[in-house]
Amino acid sequence: MKNFTKVSDIPSVSTMVRKALELKANPFAHSELGKNKTLGLIFMNPSLRTRLSSQKAAMNLGMNAMVMNIDKEGWSLELNDGAVMNGTTVEHIKDAAGAMGFYCDVIGIRCFPSLVSREDDYSEKVLSQFIKYSSVPVMSLESATRHPLQSLADMITIEEHLKQSKPKVVLTWAPHVKALPQAVANSFAEWSIASKYETVITHPEGYELSEEFTNGATIEHDQQKALEGADFVYVKNWSSYTDYGKILTQDENWLLTNEKLKITNNANIMHCLPVRRNVELSDEVLDSPNSLIMQQAENRIYAAQAVLKELLEYKQI
C-alpha cells in the first residue's frame, strides 16, 4: 500500500480489520519494524483522538513521531501553482511538503474542507499535493471528503460486536449548532458498503451525500423506518452537499433517544467523537450499555497501527 486515503487503497476491508485485530491482541509484535523511522503528523485542524492514537500506534511499531500544528506553528501555505506570492501566503505547499519528505518516512496529514467551494474541497487539493510533493507514503488523518482511519476503526468495532454476518447498519443524520463536513459520513458509508453490510442512510431531505459514496446504500428520509431492525446505528451530523456547506435544518426531532431505539435489534450506538451532548446525541444514549463510543476511540490505535505497518512494509519493498 503506497498511500492510505480511501477504502480502495486497501485489498479488502476484512483483511485490514483482521490485521488490526491481530495487532490489538499483540501490539508490540512488530516493534522493530519502525526502528529508526519517523512519522510526521501534520495538523491543519484540531485533533484529540487522531493525534494521540496515531502517536501511540507509531510508538507500538517502534517509530519516532513528530507533530506539527501547521495552522499555529507553520507558515501560511500557498496551494495554487504559478501563484505570485505577494499576499498573505508565505510558503508554497510544494516546498513545505518536499522538505517534510526528507524529515519523515511516513506523513500523516489532516486537512478539513473550507465548506465554501465544493469543487475545491472535493478535488482534495491539499492532500493530493502532499502526496505529489512529499515523495513518501502519506496517510490521511481526515481530509476534505473522507476520514478513512476513523472508518477502519469503526469497521473493527463492528466486527468485534457482530450479532450476524450481514448486519443492518444505519447512518443517521443528527442536528448540530454549526455546519460540519461530510467527510466522516462519506467515509463511513463507503466502508460499510465495501464491507457488504446492509447499509441504510437516513437524513432530512436536502442532506443527500454524494452518490460517489452512497452507491449501494438505501436512502431513507423517515428515521424511524430506517431504524427498524438495525443492529448498529452510527450518528453523525453533516452539512448539505447539494447546497454546499449549508445548514438546511436543525430539527431536534432527529435527536436519537432510547425510546426511538426500541424498534432496533437492540442496536449498538456509534459516534466518532467529539460529540455535542444533548444536541447531536442524548446522554441517555451515549452513556447506555449499547454505546460503543469508547471502543471506537480505542480502536483508532489499531486502525492507525495496521495502516502504518502496511505503509512501512511497502516502503521496504
C-alpha atoms as a PDB file:
ATOM      1  CA  MET A   1       0.000   0.000   0.000  1.00  0.00           C
ATOM      2  CA  LYS A   2       1.661   3.201  -1.228  1.00  0.00           C
ATOM      3  CA  ASN A   3      -0.712   5.719   0.405  1.00  0.00           C
ATOM      4  CA  PHE A   4      -3.812   5.495   2.596  1.00  0.00           C
ATOM      5  CA  THR A   5      -6.581   7.926   1.734  1.00  0.00           C
ATOM      6  CA  LYS A   6      -9.678   5.819   0.966  1.00  0.00           C
ATOM      7  CA  VAL A   7     -11.096   2.319   1.113  1.00  0.00           C
ATOM      8  CA  SER A   8      -9.916   1.430  -2.395  1.00  0.00           C
ATOM      9  CA  ASP A   9      -6.292   1.813  -1.246  1.00  0.00           C
ATOM     10  CA  ILE A  10      -6.549  -1.474   0.662  1.00  0.00           C
ATOM     11  CA  PRO A  11      -7.024  -5.009  -0.735  1.00  0.00           C
ATOM     12  CA  SER A  12     -10.177  -5.584   1.336  1.00  0.00           C
ATOM     13  CA  VAL A  13     -11.835  -4.278   4.472  1.00  0.00           C
ATOM     14  CA  SER A  14     -11.959  -7.727   6.063  1.00  0.00           C
ATOM     15  CA  THR A  15      -8.216  -8.200   5.550  1.00  0.00           C
ATOM     16  CA  MET A  16      -7.360  -4.864   7.176  1.00  0.00           C
ATOM     17  CA  VAL A  17      -9.759  -5.489  10.054  1.00  0.00           C
ATOM     18  CA  ARG A  18      -8.174  -8.895  10.664  1.00  0.00           C
ATOM     19  CA  LYS A  19      -4.680  -7.395  10.649  1.00  0.00           C
ATOM     20  CA  ALA A  20      -5.756  -4.650  13.047  1.00  0.00           C
ATOM     21  CA  LEU A  21      -7.269  -7.178  15.451  1.00  0.00           C
ATOM     22  CA  GLU A  22      -4.053  -9.228  15.346  1.00  0.00           C
ATOM     23  CA  LEU A  23      -2.158  -6.081  16.340  1.00  0.00           C
ATOM     24  CA  LYS A  24      -4.676  -5.363  19.083  1.00  0.00           C
ATOM     25  CA  ALA A  25      -4.037  -8.834  20.504  1.00  0.00           C
ATOM     26  CA  ASN A  26      -0.255  -8.290  20.363  1.00  0.00           C
ATOM     27  CA  PRO A  27       0.521  -4.559  19.938  1.00  0.00           C
ATOM     28  CA  PHE A  28       4.314  -4.873  20.160  1.00  0.00           C
ATOM     29  CA  ALA A  29       4.769  -7.855  17.842  1.00  0.00           C
ATOM     30  CA  HIS A  30       6.313  -5.631  15.160  1.00  0.00           C
ATOM     31  CA  SER A  31       8.115  -3.105  17.343  1.00  0.00           C
ATOM     32  CA  GLU A  32      11.305  -3.479  15.283  1.00  0.00           C
ATOM     33  CA  LEU A  33       9.572  -2.571  12.006  1.00  0.00           C
ATOM     34  CA  GLY A  34       9.592   1.151  12.701  1.00  0.00           C
ATOM     35  CA  LYS A  35      13.005   1.341  14.341  1.00  0.00           C
ATOM     36  CA  ASN A  36      14.860   4.488  13.211  1.00  0.00           C
ATOM     37  CA  LYS A  37      11.781   5.527  11.204  1.00  0.00           C
ATOM     38  CA  THR A  38       9.887   8.789  11.707  1.00  0.00           C
ATOM     39  CA  LEU A  39       6.186   9.535  11.370  1.00  0.00           C
ATOM     40  CA  GLY A  40       5.392  13.174  10.691  1.00  0.00           C
ATOM     41  CA  LEU A  41       1.907  14.182  11.835  1.00  0.00           C
ATOM     42  CA  ILE A  42       0.804  17.410  10.181  1.00  0.00           C
ATOM     43  CA  PHE A  43      -2.343  19.049  11.516  1.00  0.00           C
ATOM     44  CA  MET A  44      -4.086  21.938   9.822  1.00  0.00           C
ATOM     45  CA  ASN A  45      -7.048  21.484  12.163  1.00  0.00           C
ATOM     46  CA  PRO A  46      -7.601  20.495  15.817  1.00  0.00           C
ATOM     47  CA  SER A  47      -7.372  16.881  16.901  1.00  0.00           C
ATOM     48  CA  LEU A  48      -7.553  14.729  20.012  1.00  0.00           C
ATOM     49  CA  ARG A  49      -8.125  11.043  19.132  1.00  0.00           C
ATOM     50  CA  THR A  50      -6.438  11.201  15.733  1.00  0.00           C
ATOM     51  CA  ARG A  51      -3.292  12.796  17.099  1.00  0.00           C
ATOM     52  CA  LEU A  52      -2.895  10.666  20.202  1.00  0.00           C
ATOM     53  CA  SER A  53      -3.914   7.357  18.628  1.00  0.00           C
ATOM     54  CA  SER A  54      -1.568   7.886  15.680  1.00  0.00           C
ATOM     55  CA  GLN A  55       1.313   8.704  18.002  1.00  0.00           C
ATOM     56  CA  LYS A  56       0.548   5.648  20.112  1.00  0.00           C
ATOM     57  CA  ALA A  57       0.346   3.458  17.007  1.00  0.00           C
ATOM     58  CA  ALA A  58       3.730   4.737  15.832  1.00  0.00           C
ATOM     59  CA  MET A  59       5.276   4.055  19.241  1.00  0.00           C
ATOM     60  CA  ASN A  60       3.895   0.494  19.227  1.00  0.00           C
ATOM     61  CA  LEU A  61       5.765  -0.066  15.951  1.00  0.00           C
ATOM     62  CA  GLY A  62       8.984   1.453  17.297  1.00  0.00           C
ATOM     63  CA  MET A  63       8.681   4.677  15.296  1.00  0.00           C
ATOM     64  CA  ASN A  64       9.513   8.212  16.327  1.00  0.00           C
ATOM     65  CA  ALA A  65       6.689  10.704  15.884  1.00  0.00           C
ATOM     66  CA  MET A  66       6.984  14.419  15.154  1.00  0.00           C
ATOM     67  CA  VAL A  67       3.865  16.586  15.381  1.00  0.00           C
ATOM     68  CA  MET A  68       3.363  19.964  13.753  1.00  0.00           C
ATOM     69  CA  ASN A  69       0.208  22.031  14.091  1.00  0.00           C
ATOM     70  CA  ILE A  70       0.821  23.873  10.878  1.00  0.00           C
ATOM     71  CA  ASP A  71      -2.137  26.225  11.372  1.00  0.00           C
ATOM     72  CA  LYS A  72      -0.434  27.599  14.504  1.00  0.00           C
ATOM     73  CA  GLU A  73       3.261  26.776  14.139  1.00  0.00           C
ATOM     74  CA  GLY A  74       3.940  26.951  10.400  1.00  0.00           C
ATOM     75  CA  TRP A  75       3.836  29.472   7.598  1.00  0.00           C
ATOM     76  CA  SER A  76       0.573  30.094   5.779  1.00  0.00           C
ATOM     77  CA  LEU A  77       0.630  27.840   2.722  1.00  0.00           C
ATOM     78  CA  GLU A  78       0.031  28.711  -0.914  1.00  0.00           C
ATOM     79  CA  LEU A  79      -1.792  25.925  -2.745  1.00  0.00           C
ATOM     80  CA  ASN A  80      -2.000  27.238  -6.304  1.00  0.00           C
ATOM     81  CA  ASP A  81       0.690  26.570  -8.903  1.00  0.00           C
ATOM     82  CA  GLY A  82       2.090  29.656 -10.582  1.00  0.00           C
ATOM     83  CA  ALA A  83       0.867  31.950  -7.810  1.00  0.00           C
ATOM     84  CA  VAL A  84       2.530  35.334  -7.393  1.00  0.00           C
ATOM     85  CA  MET A  85       3.010  35.181  -3.640  1.00  0.00           C
ATOM     86  CA  ASN A  86       2.727  38.856  -2.804  1.00  0.00           C
ATOM     87  CA  GLY A  87      -0.218  38.387  -0.420  1.00  0.00           C
ATOM     88  CA  THR A  88      -0.762  36.566   2.872  1.00  0.00           C
ATOM     89  CA  THR A  89       0.758  33.194   1.957  1.00  0.00           C
ATOM     90  CA  VAL A  90       4.415  32.735   2.866  1.00  0.00           C
ATOM     91  CA  GLU A  91       5.408  29.253   1.697  1.00  0.00           C
ATOM     92  CA  HIS A  92       4.267  27.151  -1.237  1.00  0.00           C
ATOM     93  CA  ILE A  93       2.932  23.700  -0.405  1.00  0.00           C
ATOM     94  CA  LYS A  94       5.381  22.077  -2.867  1.00  0.00           C
ATOM     95  CA  ASP A  95       8.307  23.448  -0.831  1.00  0.00           C
ATOM     96  CA  ALA A  96       6.794  22.594   2.552  1.00  0.00           C
ATOM     97  CA  ALA A  97       5.753  19.057   1.579  1.00  0.00           C
ATOM     98  CA  GLY A  98       9.042  18.469  -0.224  1.00  0.00           C
ATOM     99  CA  ALA A  99      11.052  19.371   2.864  1.00  0.00           C
ATOM    100  CA  MET A 100       8.848  17.234   5.119  1.00  0.00           C
ATOM    101  CA  GLY A 101       9.538  14.266   2.867  1.00  0.00           C
ATOM    102  CA  PHE A 102      13.227  14.486   3.787  1.00  0.00           C
ATOM    103  CA  TYR A 103      12.468  14.622   7.508  1.00  0.00           C
ATOM    104  CA  CYS A 104       9.869  11.829   7.652  1.00  0.00           C
ATOM    105  CA  ASP A 105       9.468   8.264   6.401  1.00  0.00           C
ATOM    106  CA  VAL A 106       5.666   8.499   6.504  1.00  0.00           C
ATOM    107  CA  ILE A 107       3.499  11.616   6.657  1.00  0.00           C
ATOM    108  CA  GLY A 108       0.036  11.844   8.163  1.00  0.00           C
ATOM    109  CA  ILE A 109      -1.900  14.928   7.119  1.00  0.00           C
ATOM    110  CA  ARG A 110      -5.176  16.313   8.496  1.00  0.00           C
ATOM    111  CA  CYS A 111      -6.888  18.971   6.405  1.00  0.00           C
ATOM    112  CA  PHE A 112     -10.550  19.933   6.695  1.00  0.00           C
ATOM    113  CA  PRO A 113     -12.661  21.395   3.879  1.00  0.00           C
ATOM    114  CA  SER A 114     -13.443  25.091   3.593  1.00  0.00           C
ATOM    115  CA  LEU A 115     -17.167  24.327   3.033  1.00  0.00           C
ATOM    116  CA  VAL A 116     -17.127  27.286   0.634  1.00  0.00           C
ATOM    117  CA  SER A 117     -16.185  25.741  -2.708  1.00  0.00           C
ATOM    118  CA  ARG A 118     -17.364  22.175  -3.305  1.00  0.00           C
ATOM    119  CA  GLU A 119     -15.121  21.944  -6.372  1.00  0.00           C
ATOM    120  CA  ASP A 120     -12.008  22.853  -4.394  1.00  0.00           C
ATOM    121  CA  ASP A 121     -12.865  20.642  -1.436  1.00  0.00           C
ATOM    122  CA  TYR A 122     -13.807  17.569  -3.449  1.00  0.00           C
ATOM    123  CA  SER A 123     -10.668  17.841  -5.579  1.00  0.00           C
ATOM    124  CA  GLU A 124      -8.681  17.191  -2.357  1.00  0.00           C
ATOM    125  CA  LYS A 125      -6.169  19.873  -3.282  1.00  0.00           C
ATOM    126  CA  VAL A 126      -4.174  19.802  -0.026  1.00  0.00           C
ATOM    127  CA  LEU A 127      -3.999  16.029   0.340  1.00  0.00           C
ATOM    128  CA  SER A 128      -3.154  15.435  -3.308  1.00  0.00           C
ATOM    129  CA  GLN A 129      -0.309  17.955  -3.245  1.00  0.00           C
ATOM    130  CA  PHE A 130       1.226  16.393  -0.150  1.00  0.00           C
ATOM    131  CA  ILE A 131       1.170  13.060  -1.962  1.00  0.00           C
ATOM    132  CA  LYS A 132       2.669  14.645  -5.080  1.00  0.00           C
ATOM    133  CA  TYR A 133       5.489  16.624  -3.471  1.00  0.00           C
ATOM    134  CA  SER A 134       6.491  14.778  -0.279  1.00  0.00           C
ATOM    135  CA  SER A 135       7.764  11.629  -2.078  1.00  0.00           C
ATOM    136  CA  VAL A 136       6.998   9.428   0.948  1.00  0.00           C
ATOM    137  CA  PRO A 137       3.882   7.408   1.863  1.00  0.00           C
ATOM    138  CA  VAL A 138       1.008   9.608   3.014  1.00  0.00           C
ATOM    139  CA  MET A 139      -1.719   8.628   5.463  1.00  0.00           C
ATOM    140  CA  SER A 140      -4.910  10.675   5.602  1.00  0.00           C
ATOM    141  CA  LEU A 141      -5.765  11.772   9.139  1.00  0.00           C
ATOM    142  CA  GLU A 142      -9.012  13.200   7.708  1.00  0.00           C
ATOM    143  CA  SER A 143      -9.337  15.153   4.526  1.00  0.00           C
ATOM    144  CA  ALA A 144     -11.956  17.334   2.914  1.00  0.00           C
ATOM    145  CA  THR A 145     -14.057  14.363   1.811  1.00  0.00           C
ATOM    146  CA  ARG A 146     -13.046  11.297   3.873  1.00  0.00           C
ATOM    147  CA  HIS A 147     -11.838  10.073   7.271  1.00  0.00           C
ATOM    148  CA  PRO A 148     -10.532   6.584   6.448  1.00  0.00           C
ATOM    149  CA  LEU A 149      -8.723   5.926   9.747  1.00  0.00           C
ATOM    150  CA  GLN A 150     -11.947   6.572  11.639  1.00  0.00           C
ATOM    151  CA  SER A 151     -13.853   4.324   9.268  1.00  0.00           C
ATOM    152  CA  LEU A 152     -11.359   1.490   9.655  1.00  0.00           C
ATOM    153  CA  ALA A 153     -11.676   1.813  13.447  1.00  0.00           C
ATOM    154  CA  ASP A 154     -15.463   1.724  13.018  1.00  0.00           C
ATOM    155  CA  MET A 155     -15.291  -1.472  10.968  1.00  0.00           C
ATOM    156  CA  ILE A 156     -13.026  -3.057  13.612  1.00  0.00           C
ATOM    157  CA  THR A 157     -15.561  -2.119  16.288  1.00  0.00           C
ATOM    158  CA  ILE A 158     -18.475  -3.540  14.314  1.00  0.00           C
ATOM    159  CA  GLU A 159     -16.564  -6.780  13.720  1.00  0.00           C
ATOM    160  CA  GLU A 160     -15.988  -7.144  17.467  1.00  0.00           C
ATOM    161  CA  HIS A 161     -19.717  -6.760  18.193  1.00  0.00           C
ATOM    162  CA  LEU A 162     -21.318  -8.621  15.291  1.00  0.00           C
ATOM    163  CA  LYS A 163     -24.539 -10.498  16.016  1.00  0.00           C
ATOM    164  CA  GLN A 164     -24.844 -11.809  12.453  1.00  0.00           C
ATOM    165  CA  SER A 165     -22.592 -11.944   9.390  1.00  0.00           C
ATOM    166  CA  LYS A 166     -24.513  -9.262   7.491  1.00  0.00           C
ATOM    167  CA  PRO A 167     -25.809  -6.719   9.993  1.00  0.00           C
ATOM    168  CA  LYS A 168     -28.129  -3.840   9.258  1.00  0.00           C
ATOM    169  CA  VAL A 169     -26.049  -0.693   9.713  1.00  0.00           C
ATOM    170  CA  VAL A 170     -27.819   2.668   9.837  1.00  0.00           C
ATOM    171  CA  LEU A 171     -26.073   6.012   9.398  1.00  0.00           C
ATOM    172  CA  THR A 172     -28.344   8.718  10.753  1.00  0.00           C
ATOM    173  CA  TRP A 173     -28.006  12.466  10.435  1.00  0.00           C
ATOM    174  CA  ALA A 174     -28.234  14.415  13.685  1.00  0.00           C
ATOM    175  CA  PRO A 175     -28.756  18.106  14.481  1.00  0.00           C
ATOM    176  CA  HIS A 176     -25.815  20.378  15.268  1.00  0.00           C
ATOM    177  CA  VAL A 177     -25.187  24.041  16.009  1.00  0.00           C
ATOM    178  CA  LYS A 178     -22.743  24.568  13.139  1.00  0.00           C
ATOM    179  CA  ALA A 179     -22.045  23.356   9.616  1.00  0.00           C
ATOM    180  CA  LEU A 180     -19.854  20.257   9.623  1.00  0.00           C
ATOM    181  CA  PRO A 181     -18.054  18.475   6.756  1.00  0.00           C
ATOM    182  CA  GLN A 182     -19.426  15.397   5.038  1.00  0.00           C
ATOM    183  CA  ALA A 183     -16.110  13.542   5.470  1.00  0.00           C
ATOM    184  CA  VAL A 184     -16.995  11.137   8.292  1.00  0.00           C
ATOM    185  CA  ALA A 185     -20.402  10.330   6.809  1.00  0.00           C
ATOM    186  CA  ASN A 186     -18.940   9.852   3.320  1.00  0.00           C
ATOM    187  CA  SER A 187     -16.241   7.585   4.610  1.00  0.00           C
ATOM    188  CA  PHE A 188     -18.432   5.505   6.916  1.00  0.00           C
ATOM    189  CA  ALA A 189     -20.918   4.904   4.094  1.00  0.00           C
ATOM    190  CA  GLU A 190     -18.115   3.939   1.714  1.00  0.00           C
ATOM    191  CA  TRP A 191     -16.552   1.452   4.160  1.00  0.00           C
ATOM    192  CA  SER A 192     -19.859  -0.043   5.301  1.00  0.00           C
ATOM    193  CA  ILE A 193     -20.893  -0.686   1.699  1.00  0.00           C
ATOM    194  CA  ALA A 194     -17.452  -2.150   0.921  1.00  0.00           C
ATOM    195  CA  SER A 195     -17.916  -4.458   3.925  1.00  0.00           C
ATOM    196  CA  LYS A 196     -21.113  -5.734   2.255  1.00  0.00           C
ATOM    197  CA  TYR A 197     -23.253  -4.716   5.222  1.00  0.00           C
ATOM    198  CA  GLU A 198     -26.881  -3.769   4.714  1.00  0.00           C
ATOM    199  CA  THR A 199     -26.314  -0.035   4.761  1.00  0.00           C
ATOM    200  CA  VAL A 200     -29.135   2.466   5.294  1.00  0.00           C
ATOM    201  CA  ILE A 201     -28.576   6.225   5.370  1.00  0.00           C
ATOM    202  CA  THR A 202     -31.283   8.401   6.891  1.00  0.00           C
ATOM    203  CA  HIS A 203     -31.438  12.180   6.881  1.00  0.00           C
ATOM    204  CA  PRO A 204     -33.802  15.080   6.196  1.00  0.00           C
ATOM    205  CA  GLU A 205     -34.375  15.943   2.546  1.00  0.00           C
ATOM    206  CA  GLY A 206     -31.575  18.114   1.188  1.00  0.00           C
ATOM    207  CA  TYR A 207     -28.815  16.322   3.094  1.00  0.00           C
ATOM    208  CA  GLU A 208     -28.101  13.696   0.431  1.00  0.00           C
ATOM    209  CA  LEU A 209     -24.427  12.791   0.271  1.00  0.00           C
ATOM    210  CA  SER A 210     -22.559  12.476  -2.996  1.00  0.00           C
ATOM    211  CA  GLU A 211     -23.555   9.283  -4.812  1.00  0.00           C
ATOM    212  CA  GLU A 212     -19.837   8.532  -5.132  1.00  0.00           C
ATOM    213  CA  PHE A 213     -20.010   7.384  -1.501  1.00  0.00           C
ATOM    214  CA  THR A 214     -23.570   6.072  -1.190  1.00  0.00           C
ATOM    215  CA  ASN A 215     -23.998   3.866  -4.258  1.00  0.00           C
ATOM    216  CA  GLY A 216     -25.229   0.559  -2.839  1.00  0.00           C
ATOM    217  CA  ALA A 217     -26.895   2.044   0.246  1.00  0.00           C
ATOM    218  CA  THR A 218     -30.604   2.586   0.879  1.00  0.00           C
ATOM    219  CA  ILE A 219     -31.552   6.240   1.399  1.00  0.00           C
ATOM    220  CA  GLU A 220     -34.488   6.800   3.761  1.00  0.00           C
ATOM    221  CA  HIS A 221     -35.896  10.157   4.893  1.00  0.00           C
ATOM    222  CA  ASP A 222     -38.044   8.581   7.617  1.00  0.00           C
ATOM    223  CA  GLN A 223     -35.672   7.999  10.536  1.00  0.00           C
ATOM    224  CA  GLN A 224     -37.972   5.606  12.389  1.00  0.00           C
ATOM    225  CA  LYS A 225     -38.446   3.455   9.304  1.00  0.00           C
ATOM    226  CA  ALA A 226     -34.675   3.364   8.806  1.00  0.00           C
ATOM    227  CA  LEU A 227     -34.027   2.341  12.417  1.00  0.00           C
ATOM    228  CA  GLU A 228     -36.364  -0.656  12.340  1.00  0.00           C
ATOM    229  CA  GLY A 229     -34.346  -3.831  12.940  1.00  0.00           C
ATOM    230  CA  ALA A 230     -31.000  -2.028  12.951  1.00  0.00           C
ATOM    231  CA  ASP A 231     -28.014  -3.801  14.520  1.00  0.00           C
ATOM    232  CA  PHE A 232     -25.734  -0.740  14.541  1.00  0.00           C
ATOM    233  CA  VAL A 233     -26.676   2.933  14.440  1.00  0.00           C
ATOM    234  CA  TYR A 234     -23.976   5.456  13.557  1.00  0.00           C
ATOM    235  CA  VAL A 235     -24.883   9.018  14.494  1.00  0.00           C
ATOM    236  CA  LYS A 236     -23.284  11.988  12.727  1.00  0.00           C
ATOM    237  CA  ASN A 237     -24.131  15.481  11.593  1.00  0.00           C
ATOM    238  CA  TRP A 238     -23.115  16.803   8.193  1.00  0.00           C
ATOM    239  CA  SER A 239     -23.905  19.919   6.180  1.00  0.00           C
ATOM    240  CA  SER A 240     -25.583  19.902   2.791  1.00  0.00           C
ATOM    241  CA  TYR A 241     -23.645  18.573  -0.197  1.00  0.00           C
ATOM    242  CA  THR A 242     -26.068  19.946  -2.803  1.00  0.00           C
ATOM    243  CA  ASP A 243     -26.479  23.370  -1.198  1.00  0.00           C
ATOM    244  CA  TYR A 244     -22.854  23.105  -0.302  1.00  0.00           C
ATOM    245  CA  GLY A 245     -21.815  23.672   3.298  1.00  0.00           C
ATOM    246  CA  LYS A 246     -25.208  24.986   4.363  1.00  0.00           C
ATOM    247  CA  ILE A 247     -27.373  24.083   7.356  1.00  0.00           C
ATOM    248  CA  LEU A 248     -30.856  23.424   5.972  1.00  0.00           C
ATOM    249  CA  THR A 249     -32.492  22.425   9.245  1.00  0.00           C
ATOM    250  CA  GLN A 250     -31.637  21.945  12.905  1.00  0.00           C
ATOM    251  CA  ASP A 251     -34.667  19.755  13.559  1.00  0.00           C
ATOM    252  CA  GLU A 252     -34.395  18.485  17.144  1.00  0.00           C
ATOM    253  CA  ASN A 253     -36.749  15.635  16.272  1.00  0.00           C
ATOM    254  CA  TRP A 254     -33.756  13.885  14.695  1.00  0.00           C
ATOM    255  CA  LEU A 255     -32.048  13.605  18.103  1.00  0.00           C
ATOM    256  CA  LEU A 256     -31.696   9.898  18.878  1.00  0.00           C
ATOM    257  CA  THR A 257     -33.247   8.660  22.141  1.00  0.00           C
ATOM    258  CA  ASN A 258     -33.694   5.304  23.843  1.00  0.00           C
ATOM    259  CA  GLU A 259     -37.389   5.457  23.013  1.00  0.00           C
ATOM    260  CA  LYS A 260     -36.599   5.668  19.281  1.00  0.00           C
ATOM    261  CA  LEU A 261     -34.200   2.738  19.582  1.00  0.00           C
ATOM    262  CA  LYS A 262     -36.852   0.321  20.838  1.00  0.00           C
ATOM    263  CA  ILE A 263     -37.627  -0.716  17.253  1.00  0.00           C
ATOM    264  CA  THR A 264     -33.999  -1.680  16.558  1.00  0.00           C
ATOM    265  CA  ASN A 265     -32.419  -5.086  17.122  1.00  0.00           C
ATOM    266  CA  ASN A 266     -31.018  -3.874  20.454  1.00  0.00           C
ATOM    267  CA  ALA A 267     -28.680  -1.797  18.319  1.00  0.00           C
ATOM    268  CA  ASN A 268     -25.213  -0.690  19.303  1.00  0.00           C
ATOM    269  CA  ILE A 269     -24.713   3.062  19.011  1.00  0.00           C
ATOM    270  CA  MET A 270     -21.649   4.625  17.405  1.00  0.00           C
ATOM    271  CA  HIS A 271     -20.238   8.129  17.090  1.00  0.00           C
ATOM    272  CA  CYS A 272     -16.738   9.229  16.084  1.00  0.00           C
ATOM    273  CA  LEU A 273     -16.406  11.963  18.770  1.00  0.00           C
ATOM    274  CA  PRO A 274     -16.228  14.772  19.668  1.00  0.00           C
ATOM    275  CA  VAL A 275     -19.970  14.946  20.259  1.00  0.00           C
ATOM    276  CA  ARG A 276     -22.127  17.824  21.462  1.00  0.00           C
ATOM    277  CA  ARG A 277     -24.106  16.043  24.139  1.00  0.00           C
ATOM    278  CA  ASN A 278     -27.855  16.568  24.153  1.00  0.00           C
ATOM    279  CA  VAL A 279     -27.616  18.437  20.866  1.00  0.00           C
ATOM    280  CA  GLU A 280     -26.280  15.794  18.500  1.00  0.00           C
ATOM    281  CA  LEU A 281     -26.855  12.775  20.717  1.00  0.00           C
ATOM    282  CA  SER A 282     -28.532  12.432  24.125  1.00  0.00           C
ATOM    283  CA  ASP A 283     -26.708  11.496  27.328  1.00  0.00           C
ATOM    284  CA  GLU A 284     -29.034   8.553  27.843  1.00  0.00           C
ATOM    285  CA  VAL A 285     -27.872   7.003  24.566  1.00  0.00           C
ATOM    286  CA  LEU A 286     -24.194   7.946  24.827  1.00  0.00           C
ATOM    287  CA  ASP A 287     -23.897   6.541  28.345  1.00  0.00           C
ATOM    288  CA  SER A 288     -26.020   3.440  27.755  1.00  0.00           C
ATOM    289  CA  PRO A 289     -24.622  -0.131  27.746  1.00  0.00           C
ATOM    290  CA  ASN A 290     -25.197  -0.196  23.977  1.00  0.00           C
ATOM    291  CA  SER A 291     -22.859   2.720  23.323  1.00  0.00           C
ATOM    292  CA  LEU A 292     -19.590   1.820  21.570  1.00  0.00           C
ATOM    293  CA  ILE A 293     -18.003   5.271  21.510  1.00  0.00           C
ATOM    294  CA  MET A 294     -15.107   4.327  23.803  1.00  0.00           C
ATOM    295  CA  GLN A 295     -14.460   1.095  21.913  1.00  0.00           C
ATOM    296  CA  GLN A 296     -14.288   3.123  18.692  1.00  0.00           C
ATOM    297  CA  ALA A 297     -11.819   5.513  20.308  1.00  0.00           C
ATOM    298  CA  GLU A 298      -9.604   2.648  21.489  1.00  0.00           C
ATOM    299  CA  ASN A 299      -9.670   1.011  18.069  1.00  0.00           C
ATOM    300  CA  ARG A 300      -8.298   4.177  16.493  1.00  0.00           C
ATOM    301  CA  ILE A 301      -4.900   2.982  17.780  1.00  0.00           C
ATOM    302  CA  TYR A 302      -5.030  -0.337  15.950  1.00  0.00           C
ATOM    303  CA  ALA A 303      -6.515   1.146  12.793  1.00  0.00           C
ATOM    304  CA  ALA A 304      -3.578   3.548  12.591  1.00  0.00           C
ATOM    305  CA  GLN A 305      -1.095   0.834  13.541  1.00  0.00           C
ATOM    306  CA  ALA A 306      -2.364  -1.539  10.841  1.00  0.00           C
ATOM    307  CA  VAL A 307      -2.113   1.213   8.228  1.00  0.00           C
ATOM    308  CA  LEU A 308       1.356   2.319   9.326  1.00  0.00           C
ATOM    309  CA  LYS A 309       2.567  -1.275   9.231  1.00  0.00           C
ATOM    310  CA  GLU A 310       1.353  -1.644   5.643  1.00  0.00           C
ATOM    311  CA  LEU A 311       2.971   1.651   4.602  1.00  0.00           C
ATOM    312  CA  LEU A 312       6.294   0.758   6.220  1.00  0.00           C
ATOM    313  CA  GLU A 313       6.331  -2.671   4.614  1.00  0.00           C
ATOM    314  CA  TYR A 314       5.554  -1.155   1.210  1.00  0.00           C
ATOM    315  CA  LYS A 315       8.383   1.346   1.658  1.00  0.00           C
ATOM    316  CA  GLN A 316      10.831  -1.505   2.289  1.00  0.00           C
ATOM    317  CA  ILE A 317       9.979  -3.290  -0.974  1.00  0.00           C
END
